[in-house]
Amino acid sequence: MDAITMLKADHKTVEKLFKRFEKAGDGALKEKRAVVDEIIRELSVHAAVEEQVFYPAIREAVDDAEDEVLESLEEHHIVKWVLSELDGMDPGHERFDAKVTVLMENVRHHVEEEEQDLFPKVREVLKRKALTDLGESMDVAKRVAPTRPHPRQPDEPPGNIVGGVAAGALDRAREVGKEAVAKATSRGRKAAGQAKATTTGRASSTTRSGTRKRASSSRG
């Protein structure tokens, strides 16, 4: 997959998540929290890949892309701060929906500018093989990219590459830990439910046995 096709695919994924959030009802707090968690992950990875690989490459190759790249970096910076505030925020907070709305407006504006202005310029300059090679490098970066926002970290090489790898490792370790806790909690609840059912069954059986004994004694 070439670099631009990959980025457009990311844009579509995020837009689908935006629409899911917009369709969620006012009381669908659990759904909204889950969707925002996915948005945070997708946008964090996407921004890291652009900043570490795509933007540096096109600044080098495309003569008049400098201003657009710098503007994109500033837009990323704003988005990452909003994501960091949404990360862990109670979906019932009075400003939760407002923050997500501002986030969506900023990202949609950013996507529109990239797809209508920046990407066509890049395609004019870079040949298919160069874009494919760039896409492969981006795919590698994507596998280790941070999955949470880190707005205080550098957003240009070499600082963002070094910091990004470390942040990505920590983020993914955190995800593994959360999954392990969730699984352990689920197993604990299941075991507790089974134990309760067994205890209830035994108590019911004991009650029935006692009733039968009393009835037999009465007849005798």
N, C-alpha and C. Protein backbone atom coordinates (compact mmCIF):
# COMPACT_ATOMS: atom_id res chain seq x y z
N MET A 1 0.85 -1.20 0.00
CA MET A 1 0.00 0.00 0.00
C MET A 1 0.88 1.25 0.00
N ASP A 2 0.58 2.20 -0.86
CA ASP A 2 1.42 3.41 -0.88
C ASP A 2 1.04 4.33 0.28
N ALA A 3 1.91 5.30 0.55
CA ALA A 3 1.78 6.15 1.73
C ALA A 3 0.46 6.90 1.78
N ILE A 4 0.06 7.49 0.66
CA ILE A 4 -1.16 8.29 0.65
C ILE A 4 -2.40 7.42 0.82
N THR A 5 -2.42 6.28 0.18
CA THR A 5 -3.55 5.34 0.34
C THR A 5 -3.68 4.92 1.80
N MET A 6 -2.54 4.68 2.44
CA MET A 6 -2.56 4.28 3.85
C MET A 6 -3.14 5.39 4.73
N LEU A 7 -2.71 6.62 4.50
CA LEU A 7 -3.20 7.75 5.30
C LEU A 7 -4.68 8.00 5.08
N LYS A 8 -5.13 7.85 3.84
CA LYS A 8 -6.56 8.02 3.55
C LYS A 8 -7.39 6.93 4.23
N ALA A 9 -6.85 5.73 4.29
CA ALA A 9 -7.55 4.63 4.97
C ALA A 9 -7.69 4.96 6.46
N ASP A 10 -6.64 5.53 7.04
CA ASP A 10 -6.72 5.97 8.45
C ASP A 10 -7.80 7.03 8.63
N HIS A 11 -7.85 7.97 7.69
CA HIS A 11 -8.86 9.02 7.77
C HIS A 11 -10.28 8.44 7.76
N LYS A 12 -10.51 7.46 6.92
CA LYS A 12 -11.83 6.82 6.84
C LYS A 12 -12.18 6.10 8.13
N THR A 13 -11.18 5.43 8.71
CA THR A 13 -11.41 4.73 9.98
C THR A 13 -11.83 5.69 11.07
N VAL A 14 -11.15 6.82 11.15
CA VAL A 14 -11.45 7.81 12.18
C VAL A 14 -12.82 8.45 11.93
N GLU A 15 -13.13 8.72 10.68
CA GLU A 15 -14.43 9.32 10.36
C GLU A 15 -15.58 8.38 10.76
N LYS A 16 -15.41 7.09 10.57
CA LYS A 16 -16.43 6.11 11.00
C LYS A 16 -16.62 6.17 12.51
N LEU A 17 -15.52 6.33 13.23
CA LEU A 17 -15.62 6.44 14.69
C LEU A 17 -16.33 7.74 15.09
N PHE A 18 -16.05 8.83 14.37
CA PHE A 18 -16.75 10.09 14.63
C PHE A 18 -18.26 9.91 14.45
N LYS A 19 -18.65 9.25 13.40
CA LYS A 19 -20.08 9.06 13.12
C LYS A 19 -20.73 8.18 14.19
N ARG A 20 -19.98 7.19 14.68
CA ARG A 20 -20.49 6.36 15.78
C ARG A 20 -20.76 7.20 17.01
N PHE A 21 -19.84 8.10 17.30
CA PHE A 21 -20.02 8.97 18.46
C PHE A 21 -21.23 9.88 18.26
N GLU A 22 -21.37 10.44 17.08
CA GLU A 22 -22.48 11.36 16.81
C GLU A 22 -23.83 10.65 16.89
N LYS A 23 -23.86 9.37 16.57
CA LYS A 23 -25.11 8.62 16.60
C LYS A 23 -25.48 8.14 18.00
N ALA A 24 -24.50 8.10 18.90
CA ALA A 24 -24.75 7.63 20.26
C ALA A 24 -25.67 8.61 20.98
N GLY A 25 -26.61 8.08 21.73
CA GLY A 25 -27.55 8.93 22.46
C GLY A 25 -26.90 9.60 23.66
N ASP A 26 -27.61 10.57 24.23
CA ASP A 26 -27.08 11.32 25.36
C ASP A 26 -26.73 10.41 26.54
N GLY A 27 -27.52 9.36 26.70
CA GLY A 27 -27.30 8.47 27.84
C GLY A 27 -26.36 7.31 27.56
N ALA A 28 -25.85 7.23 26.33
CA ALA A 28 -24.98 6.10 25.97
C ALA A 28 -23.54 6.36 26.40
N LEU A 29 -23.34 6.52 27.69
CA LEU A 29 -22.03 6.92 28.20
C LEU A 29 -20.96 5.84 27.99
N LYS A 30 -21.34 4.59 28.18
CA LYS A 30 -20.38 3.50 28.00
C LYS A 30 -19.93 3.42 26.54
N GLU A 31 -20.87 3.57 25.62
CA GLU A 31 -20.56 3.53 24.19
C GLU A 31 -19.67 4.71 23.81
N LYS A 32 -19.99 5.89 24.31
CA LYS A 32 -19.18 7.08 24.00
C LYS A 32 -17.74 6.93 24.51
N ARG A 33 -17.61 6.40 25.73
CA ARG A 33 -16.26 6.20 26.28
C ARG A 33 -15.46 5.22 25.43
N ALA A 34 -16.12 4.14 25.02
CA ALA A 34 -15.44 3.13 24.21
C ALA A 34 -15.02 3.70 22.85
N VAL A 35 -15.90 4.48 22.23
CA VAL A 35 -15.58 5.08 20.93
C VAL A 35 -14.44 6.07 21.05
N VAL A 36 -14.47 6.89 22.08
CA VAL A 36 -13.40 7.89 22.27
C VAL A 36 -12.07 7.20 22.53
N ASP A 37 -12.08 6.10 23.25
CA ASP A 37 -10.84 5.34 23.47
C ASP A 37 -10.25 4.87 22.14
N GLU A 38 -11.14 4.42 21.23
CA GLU A 38 -10.67 4.00 19.90
C GLU A 38 -10.15 5.19 19.10
N ILE A 39 -10.84 6.31 19.20
CA ILE A 39 -10.40 7.53 18.50
C ILE A 39 -9.02 7.95 18.98
N ILE A 40 -8.82 7.92 20.29
CA ILE A 40 -7.52 8.30 20.87
C ILE A 40 -6.42 7.42 20.31
N ARG A 41 -6.68 6.13 20.27
CA ARG A 41 -5.66 5.19 19.77
C ARG A 41 -5.36 5.43 18.29
N GLU A 42 -6.40 5.52 17.48
CA GLU A 42 -6.22 5.69 16.03
C GLU A 42 -5.49 6.99 15.71
N LEU A 43 -5.90 8.09 16.33
CA LEU A 43 -5.29 9.38 16.02
C LEU A 43 -3.86 9.49 16.56
N SER A 44 -3.60 8.86 17.70
CA SER A 44 -2.24 8.90 18.26
C SER A 44 -1.26 8.17 17.35
N VAL A 45 -1.66 7.00 16.87
CA VAL A 45 -0.80 6.23 15.96
C VAL A 45 -0.63 6.97 14.64
N HIS A 46 -1.73 7.47 14.09
CA HIS A 46 -1.72 8.17 12.81
C HIS A 46 -0.80 9.39 12.86
N ALA A 47 -0.95 10.20 13.91
CA ALA A 47 -0.13 11.41 14.04
C ALA A 47 1.35 11.06 14.16
N ALA A 48 1.66 10.04 14.92
CA ALA A 48 3.06 9.64 15.11
C ALA A 48 3.69 9.21 13.79
N VAL A 49 2.95 8.44 13.00
CA VAL A 49 3.48 7.95 11.72
C VAL A 49 3.71 9.10 10.75
N GLU A 50 2.78 10.04 10.71
CA GLU A 50 2.97 11.21 9.84
C GLU A 50 4.18 12.03 10.28
N GLU A 51 4.30 12.25 11.58
CA GLU A 51 5.37 13.10 12.08
C GLU A 51 6.75 12.45 11.97
N GLN A 52 6.80 11.13 12.16
CA GLN A 52 8.09 10.44 12.14
C GLN A 52 8.58 10.13 10.73
N VAL A 53 7.64 9.85 9.81
CA VAL A 53 8.04 9.35 8.48
C VAL A 53 7.53 10.22 7.34
N PHE A 54 6.21 10.44 7.28
CA PHE A 54 5.61 11.08 6.11
C PHE A 54 6.03 12.54 5.96
N TYR A 55 5.85 13.34 6.99
CA TYR A 55 6.17 14.77 6.89
C TYR A 55 7.65 15.03 6.59
N PRO A 56 8.58 14.37 7.29
CA PRO A 56 9.99 14.60 6.97
C PRO A 56 10.33 14.25 5.52
N ALA A 57 9.72 13.18 5.00
CA ALA A 57 10.00 12.75 3.63
C ALA A 57 9.50 13.77 2.62
N ILE A 58 8.29 14.28 2.83
CA ILE A 58 7.75 15.20 1.82
C ILE A 58 8.37 16.60 1.96
N ARG A 59 8.81 16.97 3.15
CA ARG A 59 9.52 18.25 3.27
C ARG A 59 10.82 18.21 2.47
N GLU A 60 11.40 17.04 2.39
CA GLU A 60 12.63 16.86 1.64
C GLU A 60 12.37 16.81 0.14
N ALA A 61 11.26 16.18 -0.25
CA ALA A 61 11.02 15.91 -1.66
C ALA A 61 10.16 16.95 -2.37
N VAL A 62 9.22 17.58 -1.66
CA VAL A 62 8.27 18.49 -2.30
C VAL A 62 8.62 19.94 -1.92
N ASP A 63 9.02 20.72 -2.92
CA ASP A 63 9.55 22.07 -2.67
C ASP A 63 8.59 23.00 -1.93
N ASP A 64 7.31 23.01 -2.34
CA ASP A 64 6.39 23.98 -1.76
C ASP A 64 5.46 23.38 -0.70
N ALA A 65 5.93 22.31 -0.04
CA ALA A 65 5.11 21.67 0.99
C ALA A 65 5.46 22.12 2.40
N GLU A 66 6.51 22.91 2.53
CA GLU A 66 7.02 23.30 3.85
C GLU A 66 5.97 23.96 4.73
N ASP A 67 5.29 24.97 4.21
CA ASP A 67 4.31 25.70 5.02
C ASP A 67 3.15 24.79 5.44
N GLU A 68 2.71 23.94 4.52
CA GLU A 68 1.59 23.04 4.83
C GLU A 68 1.97 22.03 5.90
N VAL A 69 3.20 21.54 5.84
CA VAL A 69 3.65 20.58 6.85
C VAL A 69 3.73 21.25 8.21
N LEU A 70 4.26 22.46 8.26
CA LEU A 70 4.36 23.17 9.54
C LEU A 70 2.98 23.45 10.13
N GLU A 71 2.04 23.81 9.26
CA GLU A 71 0.66 24.03 9.73
C GLU A 71 0.06 22.72 10.24
N SER A 72 0.33 21.63 9.55
CA SER A 72 -0.17 20.32 9.96
C SER A 72 0.38 19.93 11.33
N LEU A 73 1.66 20.23 11.57
CA LEU A 73 2.26 19.91 12.86
C LEU A 73 1.58 20.69 13.98
N GLU A 74 1.23 21.95 13.71
CA GLU A 74 0.52 22.74 14.72
C GLU A 74 -0.88 22.19 14.97
N GLU A 75 -1.54 21.76 13.90
CA GLU A 75 -2.87 21.15 14.06
C GLU A 75 -2.78 19.87 14.87
N HIS A 76 -1.75 19.07 14.61
CA HIS A 76 -1.52 17.85 15.40
C HIS A 76 -1.34 18.20 16.88
N HIS A 77 -0.59 19.27 17.11
CA HIS A 77 -0.30 19.66 18.49
C HIS A 77 -1.59 19.97 19.25
N ILE A 78 -2.48 20.70 18.62
CA ILE A 78 -3.77 21.04 19.24
C ILE A 78 -4.59 19.78 19.49
N VAL A 79 -4.65 18.93 18.49
CA VAL A 79 -5.43 17.69 18.60
C VAL A 79 -4.90 16.81 19.73
N LYS A 80 -3.58 16.71 19.85
CA LYS A 80 -3.00 15.85 20.89
C LYS A 80 -3.31 16.38 22.29
N TRP A 81 -3.38 17.69 22.45
CA TRP A 81 -3.75 18.22 23.76
C TRP A 81 -5.20 17.87 24.10
N VAL A 82 -6.09 17.98 23.13
CA VAL A 82 -7.50 17.63 23.38
C VAL A 82 -7.61 16.13 23.69
N LEU A 83 -6.88 15.31 22.93
CA LEU A 83 -6.90 13.87 23.18
C LEU A 83 -6.40 13.56 24.59
N SER A 84 -5.36 14.25 25.01
CA SER A 84 -4.81 14.00 26.35
C SER A 84 -5.82 14.36 27.44
N GLU A 85 -6.65 15.36 27.19
CA GLU A 85 -7.68 15.74 28.15
C GLU A 85 -8.84 14.75 28.15
N LEU A 86 -9.12 14.19 26.99
CA LEU A 86 -10.20 13.21 26.89
C LEU A 86 -9.79 11.84 27.43
N ASP A 87 -8.50 11.58 27.42
CA ASP A 87 -7.99 10.29 27.87
C ASP A 87 -8.29 10.10 29.36
N GLY A 88 -9.23 9.24 29.68
CA GLY A 88 -9.59 8.98 31.07
C GLY A 88 -10.68 9.89 31.63
N MET A 89 -11.14 10.88 30.84
CA MET A 89 -12.20 11.76 31.34
C MET A 89 -13.52 11.01 31.46
N ASP A 90 -14.26 11.29 32.51
CA ASP A 90 -15.57 10.68 32.72
C ASP A 90 -16.51 11.12 31.57
N PRO A 91 -17.11 10.16 30.85
CA PRO A 91 -18.01 10.53 29.74
C PRO A 91 -19.24 11.29 30.20
N GLY A 92 -19.50 11.28 31.51
CA GLY A 92 -20.63 12.03 32.04
C GLY A 92 -20.27 13.47 32.38
N HIS A 93 -18.99 13.81 32.25
CA HIS A 93 -18.54 15.19 32.53
C HIS A 93 -19.22 16.15 31.57
N GLU A 94 -19.60 17.32 32.06
CA GLU A 94 -20.37 18.27 31.24
C GLU A 94 -19.60 18.75 30.00
N ARG A 95 -18.27 18.64 30.01
CA ARG A 95 -17.48 19.13 28.86
C ARG A 95 -16.96 18.00 27.97
N PHE A 96 -17.32 16.77 28.29
CA PHE A 96 -16.84 15.63 27.50
C PHE A 96 -17.31 15.74 26.05
N ASP A 97 -18.62 15.86 25.83
CA ASP A 97 -19.15 15.95 24.47
C ASP A 97 -18.61 17.17 23.74
N ALA A 98 -18.48 18.29 24.46
CA ALA A 98 -17.98 19.53 23.84
C ALA A 98 -16.54 19.34 23.35
N LYS A 99 -15.72 18.66 24.15
CA LYS A 99 -14.34 18.42 23.74
C LYS A 99 -14.27 17.51 22.51
N VAL A 100 -15.11 16.49 22.49
CA VAL A 100 -15.12 15.59 21.33
C VAL A 100 -15.57 16.34 20.08
N THR A 101 -16.55 17.21 20.23
CA THR A 101 -17.03 18.00 19.09
C THR A 101 -15.93 18.88 18.53
N VAL A 102 -15.19 19.57 19.40
CA VAL A 102 -14.08 20.42 18.97
C VAL A 102 -13.00 19.56 18.30
N LEU A 103 -12.73 18.40 18.88
CA LEU A 103 -11.75 17.48 18.30
C LEU A 103 -12.15 17.10 16.88
N MET A 104 -13.41 16.71 16.70
CA MET A 104 -13.87 16.28 15.37
C MET A 104 -13.78 17.42 14.35
N GLU A 105 -14.13 18.62 14.78
CA GLU A 105 -14.05 19.77 13.86
C GLU A 105 -12.61 20.01 13.41
N ASN A 106 -11.67 19.94 14.35
CA ASN A 106 -10.26 20.16 14.02
C ASN A 106 -9.72 19.07 13.11
N VAL A 107 -10.04 17.83 13.41
CA VAL A 107 -9.52 16.71 12.61
C VAL A 107 -10.12 16.74 11.21
N ARG A 108 -11.41 17.02 11.10
CA ARG A 108 -12.05 17.06 9.78
C ARG A 108 -11.45 18.17 8.92
N HIS A 109 -11.17 19.30 9.53
CA HIS A 109 -10.51 20.39 8.80
C HIS A 109 -9.12 19.96 8.33
N HIS A 110 -8.39 19.32 9.20
CA HIS A 110 -7.04 18.85 8.89
C HIS A 110 -7.07 17.84 7.74
N VAL A 111 -8.00 16.90 7.81
CA VAL A 111 -8.12 15.86 6.77
C VAL A 111 -8.47 16.49 5.42
N GLU A 112 -9.38 17.44 5.45
CA GLU A 112 -9.79 18.10 4.20
C GLU A 112 -8.60 18.80 3.53
N GLU A 113 -7.80 19.49 4.32
CA GLU A 113 -6.63 20.19 3.76
C GLU A 113 -5.61 19.21 3.20
N GLU A 114 -5.37 18.13 3.93
CA GLU A 114 -4.40 17.14 3.46
C GLU A 114 -4.86 16.49 2.16
N GLU A 115 -6.10 16.06 2.13
CA GLU A 115 -6.57 15.30 0.97
C GLU A 115 -6.80 16.17 -0.26
N GLN A 116 -7.16 17.43 -0.06
CA GLN A 116 -7.43 18.31 -1.19
C GLN A 116 -6.20 19.09 -1.67
N ASP A 117 -5.29 19.39 -0.76
CA ASP A 117 -4.15 20.25 -1.12
C ASP A 117 -2.81 19.52 -1.07
N LEU A 118 -2.50 18.93 0.09
CA LEU A 118 -1.17 18.35 0.28
C LEU A 118 -0.95 17.06 -0.51
N PHE A 119 -1.85 16.12 -0.40
CA PHE A 119 -1.66 14.82 -1.05
C PHE A 119 -1.51 14.93 -2.57
N PRO A 120 -2.32 15.76 -3.26
CA PRO A 120 -2.13 15.90 -4.71
C PRO A 120 -0.74 16.42 -5.07
N LYS A 121 -0.22 17.35 -4.28
CA LYS A 121 1.14 17.86 -4.52
C LYS A 121 2.17 16.74 -4.39
N VAL A 122 1.99 15.91 -3.38
CA VAL A 122 2.93 14.81 -3.15
C VAL A 122 2.89 13.82 -4.30
N ARG A 123 1.69 13.51 -4.79
CA ARG A 123 1.55 12.56 -5.90
C ARG A 123 2.19 13.09 -7.19
N GLU A 124 2.17 14.38 -7.34
CA GLU A 124 2.77 14.98 -8.54
C GLU A 124 4.29 14.82 -8.55
N VAL A 125 4.89 14.79 -7.38
CA VAL A 125 6.35 14.76 -7.27
C VAL A 125 6.89 13.34 -7.09
N LEU A 126 6.28 12.60 -6.20
CA LEU A 126 6.79 11.26 -5.89
C LEU A 126 6.18 10.21 -6.81
N LYS A 127 7.01 9.36 -7.36
CA LYS A 127 6.52 8.30 -8.24
C LYS A 127 5.92 7.17 -7.41
N ARG A 128 5.26 6.25 -8.10
CA ARG A 128 4.55 5.17 -7.42
C ARG A 128 5.48 4.36 -6.51
N LYS A 129 6.67 4.02 -7.02
CA LYS A 129 7.59 3.21 -6.22
C LYS A 129 8.03 3.96 -4.96
N ALA A 130 8.29 5.24 -5.10
CA ALA A 130 8.71 6.03 -3.94
C ALA A 130 7.61 6.08 -2.89
N LEU A 131 6.35 6.23 -3.34
CA LEU A 131 5.24 6.25 -2.41
C LEU A 131 5.03 4.89 -1.75
N THR A 132 5.27 3.82 -2.51
CA THR A 132 5.15 2.47 -1.95
C THR A 132 6.23 2.22 -0.91
N ASP A 133 7.46 2.63 -1.24
CA ASP A 133 8.56 2.49 -0.28
C ASP A 133 8.28 3.29 0.99
N LEU A 134 7.74 4.49 0.80
CA LEU A 134 7.40 5.33 1.95
C LEU A 134 6.30 4.68 2.78
N GLY A 135 5.35 4.08 2.09
CA GLY A 135 4.26 3.38 2.79
C GLY A 135 4.78 2.22 3.61
N GLU A 136 5.76 1.51 3.10
CA GLU A 136 6.35 0.39 3.84
C GLU A 136 7.05 0.88 5.10
N SER A 137 7.75 2.01 4.98
CA SER A 137 8.41 2.59 6.15
C SER A 137 7.38 3.04 7.19
N MET A 138 6.28 3.59 6.72
CA MET A 138 5.21 4.02 7.62
C MET A 138 4.56 2.84 8.31
N ASP A 139 4.43 1.74 7.60
CA ASP A 139 3.83 0.54 8.18
C ASP A 139 4.69 0.01 9.33
N VAL A 140 6.00 0.05 9.15
CA VAL A 140 6.92 -0.37 10.20
C VAL A 140 6.78 0.55 11.42
N ALA A 141 6.73 1.86 11.16
CA ALA A 141 6.59 2.82 12.26
C ALA A 141 5.26 2.64 12.99
N LYS A 142 4.25 2.26 12.25
CA LYS A 142 2.91 2.11 12.83
C LYS A 142 2.87 1.01 13.89
N ARG A 143 3.67 -0.01 13.69
CA ARG A 143 3.66 -1.15 14.61
C ARG A 143 4.19 -0.80 15.99
N VAL A 144 5.02 0.23 16.08
CA VAL A 144 5.62 0.60 17.38
C VAL A 144 5.24 2.00 17.82
N ALA A 145 4.32 2.63 17.10
CA ALA A 145 3.94 4.01 17.40
C ALA A 145 3.18 4.12 18.72
N PRO A 146 3.25 5.27 19.38
CA PRO A 146 2.47 5.49 20.61
C PRO A 146 0.99 5.32 20.34
N THR A 147 0.27 4.77 21.30
CA THR A 147 -1.17 4.57 21.15
C THR A 147 -1.96 5.55 22.01
N ARG A 148 -1.24 6.46 22.67
CA ARG A 148 -1.85 7.50 23.47
C ARG A 148 -1.20 8.83 23.12
N PRO A 149 -1.87 9.95 23.39
CA PRO A 149 -1.29 11.25 23.05
C PRO A 149 -0.16 11.65 24.00
N HIS A 150 0.87 12.24 23.43
CA HIS A 150 2.00 12.74 24.22
C HIS A 150 2.34 14.15 23.71
N PRO A 151 1.49 15.14 24.03
CA PRO A 151 1.65 16.48 23.45
C PRO A 151 2.92 17.21 23.84
N ARG A 152 3.57 16.79 24.92
CA ARG A 152 4.79 17.48 25.35
C ARG A 152 6.04 16.94 24.65
N GLN A 153 5.90 15.85 23.94
CA GLN A 153 7.08 15.27 23.27
C GLN A 153 7.36 16.00 21.96
N PRO A 154 8.61 15.95 21.48
CA PRO A 154 8.95 16.57 20.19
C PRO A 154 8.11 15.95 19.07
N ASP A 155 7.80 16.76 18.05
CA ASP A 155 7.01 16.24 16.93
C ASP A 155 7.81 16.22 15.61
N GLU A 156 9.14 16.42 15.73
CA GLU A 156 10.00 16.35 14.56
C GLU A 156 11.22 15.48 14.87
N PRO A 157 11.80 14.83 13.84
CA PRO A 157 13.00 14.01 14.05
C PRO A 157 14.18 14.89 14.48
N PRO A 158 15.13 14.31 15.23
CA PRO A 158 15.16 12.92 15.68
C PRO A 158 14.45 12.69 17.01
N GLY A 159 14.06 13.80 17.69
CA GLY A 159 13.46 13.67 19.00
C GLY A 159 12.19 12.85 19.04
N ASN A 160 11.33 13.02 18.02
CA ASN A 160 10.06 12.29 18.05
C ASN A 160 10.24 10.80 17.76
N ILE A 161 11.30 10.44 17.05
CA ILE A 161 11.54 9.03 16.78
C ILE A 161 12.00 8.31 18.04
N VAL A 162 12.99 8.91 18.71
CA VAL A 162 13.49 8.31 19.95
C VAL A 162 12.40 8.27 21.01
N GLY A 163 11.76 9.42 21.22
CA GLY A 163 10.70 9.48 22.23
C GLY A 163 9.50 8.64 21.85
N GLY A 164 9.20 8.59 20.54
CA GLY A 164 8.03 7.84 20.08
C GLY A 164 8.16 6.36 20.33
N VAL A 165 9.35 5.82 20.10
CA VAL A 165 9.56 4.38 20.31
C VAL A 165 9.37 4.04 21.79
N ALA A 166 9.96 4.87 22.66
CA ALA A 166 9.83 4.63 24.10
C ALA A 166 8.38 4.77 24.55
N ALA A 167 7.72 5.83 24.07
CA ALA A 167 6.31 6.05 24.45
C ALA A 167 5.43 4.94 23.92
N GLY A 168 5.71 4.48 22.70
CA GLY A 168 4.94 3.40 22.12
C GLY A 168 5.05 2.12 22.93
N ALA A 169 6.26 1.83 23.37
CA ALA A 169 6.47 0.61 24.17
C ALA A 169 5.70 0.70 25.49
N LEU A 170 5.75 1.88 26.12
CA LEU A 170 5.02 2.07 27.39
C LEU A 170 3.51 1.99 27.18
N ASP A 171 3.03 2.62 26.11
CA ASP A 171 1.59 2.60 25.83
C ASP A 171 1.09 1.19 25.60
N ARG A 172 1.85 0.41 24.83
CA ARG A 172 1.42 -0.95 24.51
C ARG A 172 1.51 -1.86 25.73
N ALA A 173 2.50 -1.61 26.58
CA ALA A 173 2.60 -2.38 27.83
C ALA A 173 1.40 -2.06 28.72
N ARG A 174 1.01 -0.79 28.73
CA ARG A 174 -0.16 -0.38 29.51
C ARG A 174 -1.42 -1.06 28.99
N GLU A 175 -1.55 -1.17 27.67
CA GLU A 175 -2.72 -1.83 27.09
C GLU A 175 -2.76 -3.31 27.47
N VAL A 176 -1.59 -3.95 27.41
CA VAL A 176 -1.52 -5.37 27.79
C VAL A 176 -1.92 -5.55 29.25
N GLY A 177 -1.44 -4.64 30.10
CA GLY A 177 -1.79 -4.70 31.51
C GLY A 177 -3.28 -4.54 31.74
N LYS A 178 -3.90 -3.58 31.05
CA LYS A 178 -5.34 -3.36 31.18
C LYS A 178 -6.13 -4.57 30.73
N GLU A 179 -5.69 -5.18 29.62
CA GLU A 179 -6.37 -6.37 29.11
C GLU A 179 -6.26 -7.52 30.10
N ALA A 180 -5.07 -7.67 30.72
CA ALA A 180 -4.86 -8.75 31.68
C ALA A 180 -5.76 -8.56 32.90
N VAL A 181 -5.86 -7.31 33.38
CA VAL A 181 -6.73 -7.03 34.52
C VAL A 181 -8.19 -7.31 34.17
N ALA A 182 -8.60 -6.89 32.96
CA ALA A 182 -9.98 -7.11 32.53
C ALA A 182 -10.31 -8.59 32.46
N LYS A 183 -9.36 -9.38 31.92
CA LYS A 183 -9.58 -10.83 31.81
C LYS A 183 -9.64 -11.47 33.19
N ALA A 184 -8.72 -11.06 34.08
CA ALA A 184 -8.69 -11.62 35.43
C ALA A 184 -9.98 -11.28 36.17
N THR A 185 -10.46 -10.03 36.00
CA THR A 185 -11.70 -9.62 36.64
C THR A 185 -12.87 -10.42 36.12
N SER A 186 -12.89 -10.64 34.79
CA SER A 186 -13.96 -11.41 34.18
C SER A 186 -13.97 -12.85 34.68
N ARG A 187 -12.76 -13.45 34.78
CA ARG A 187 -12.67 -14.82 35.29
C ARG A 187 -13.12 -14.89 36.74
N GLY A 188 -12.74 -13.87 37.52
CA GLY A 188 -13.13 -13.83 38.93
C GLY A 188 -14.64 -13.75 39.09
N ARG A 189 -15.28 -12.91 38.28
CA ARG A 189 -16.73 -12.79 38.35
C ARG A 189 -17.42 -14.08 37.95
N LYS A 190 -16.87 -14.72 36.91
CA LYS A 190 -17.45 -15.98 36.44
C LYS A 190 -17.35 -17.06 37.51
N ALA A 191 -16.15 -17.14 38.14
CA ALA A 191 -15.95 -18.14 39.19
C ALA A 191 -16.87 -17.87 40.38
N ALA A 192 -17.02 -16.58 40.72
CA ALA A 192 -17.90 -16.22 41.84
C ALA A 192 -19.34 -16.60 41.53
N GLY A 193 -19.74 -16.37 40.27
CA GLY A 193 -21.10 -16.73 39.86
C GLY A 193 -21.34 -18.22 39.92
N GLN A 194 -20.34 -18.99 39.46
CA GLN A 194 -20.47 -20.45 39.51
C GLN A 194 -20.53 -20.95 40.95
N ALA A 195 -19.69 -20.36 41.83
CA ALA A 195 -19.67 -20.77 43.23
C ALA A 195 -21.01 -20.46 43.90
N LYS A 196 -21.57 -19.30 43.56
CA LYS A 196 -22.86 -18.91 44.12
C LYS A 196 -23.95 -19.87 43.67
N ALA A 197 -23.90 -20.22 42.36
CA ALA A 197 -24.90 -21.14 41.84
C ALA A 197 -24.80 -22.51 42.50
N THR A 198 -23.56 -22.96 42.73
CA THR A 198 -23.34 -24.25 43.37
C THR A 198 -23.85 -24.24 44.81
N THR A 199 -23.54 -23.16 45.53
CA THR A 199 -23.99 -23.02 46.92
C THR A 199 -25.50 -22.98 47.01
N THR A 200 -26.11 -22.23 46.10
CA THR A 200 -27.57 -22.13 46.07
C THR A 200 -28.20 -23.49 45.80
N GLY A 201 -27.57 -24.22 44.84
CA GLY A 201 -28.08 -25.55 44.50
C GLY A 201 -28.00 -26.50 45.67
N ARG A 202 -26.88 -26.44 46.39
CA ARG A 202 -26.72 -27.33 47.55
C ARG A 202 -27.72 -26.98 48.64
N ALA A 203 -27.92 -25.69 48.87
CA ALA A 203 -28.87 -25.26 49.90
C ALA A 203 -30.27 -25.72 49.55
N SER A 204 -30.63 -25.60 48.28
CA SER A 204 -31.95 -26.01 47.83
C SER A 204 -32.14 -27.50 48.00
N SER A 205 -31.07 -28.26 47.68
CA SER A 205 -31.13 -29.71 47.82
C SER A 205 -31.29 -30.12 49.27
N THR A 206 -30.56 -29.43 50.17
CA THR A 206 -30.65 -29.72 51.60
C THR A 206 -32.05 -29.43 52.13
N THR A 207 -32.63 -28.32 51.64
CA THR A 207 -33.98 -27.95 52.07
C THR A 207 -35.00 -29.00 51.64
N ARG A 208 -34.89 -29.46 50.40
CA ARG A 208 -35.82 -30.48 49.90
C ARG A 208 -35.68 -31.78 50.68
N SER A 209 -34.42 -32.16 51.01
CA SER A 209 -34.18 -33.39 51.75
C SER A 209 -34.80 -33.31 53.14
N GLY A 210 -34.64 -32.14 53.80
CA GLY A 210 -35.21 -31.96 55.13
C GLY A 210 -36.72 -32.01 55.09
N THR A 211 -37.31 -31.45 54.05
CA THR A 211 -38.77 -31.46 53.92
C THR A 211 -39.28 -32.88 53.76
N ARG A 212 -38.56 -33.68 52.94
CA ARG A 212 -38.98 -35.08 52.73
C ARG A 212 -38.90 -35.88 54.02
N LYS A 213 -37.85 -35.64 54.82
CA LYS A 213 -37.67 -36.36 56.10
C LYS A 213 -38.80 -36.02 57.07
N ARG A 214 -39.16 -34.73 57.13
CA ARG A 214 -40.21 -34.33 58.05
C ARG A 214 -41.54 -34.92 57.63
N ALA A 215 -41.76 -34.95 56.30
CA ALA A 215 -43.03 -35.52 55.80
C ALA A 215 -43.11 -36.99 56.12
N SER A 216 -41.99 -37.73 55.98
CA SER A 216 -41.97 -39.16 56.25
C SER A 216 -42.19 -39.44 57.73
N SER A 217 -41.60 -38.60 58.60
CA SER A 217 -41.75 -38.76 60.04
C SER A 217 -43.19 -38.53 60.45
N SER A 218 -43.84 -37.55 59.80
CA SER A 218 -45.22 -37.21 60.12
C SER A 218 -46.15 -38.36 59.77
N ARG A 219 -45.89 -39.01 58.60
CA ARG A 219 -46.74 -40.14 58.19
C ARG A 219 -46.56 -41.32 59.13
N GLY A 220 -45.32 -41.50 59.62
CA GLY A 220 -45.06 -42.62 60.54
C GLY A 220 -45.75 -42.39 61.87
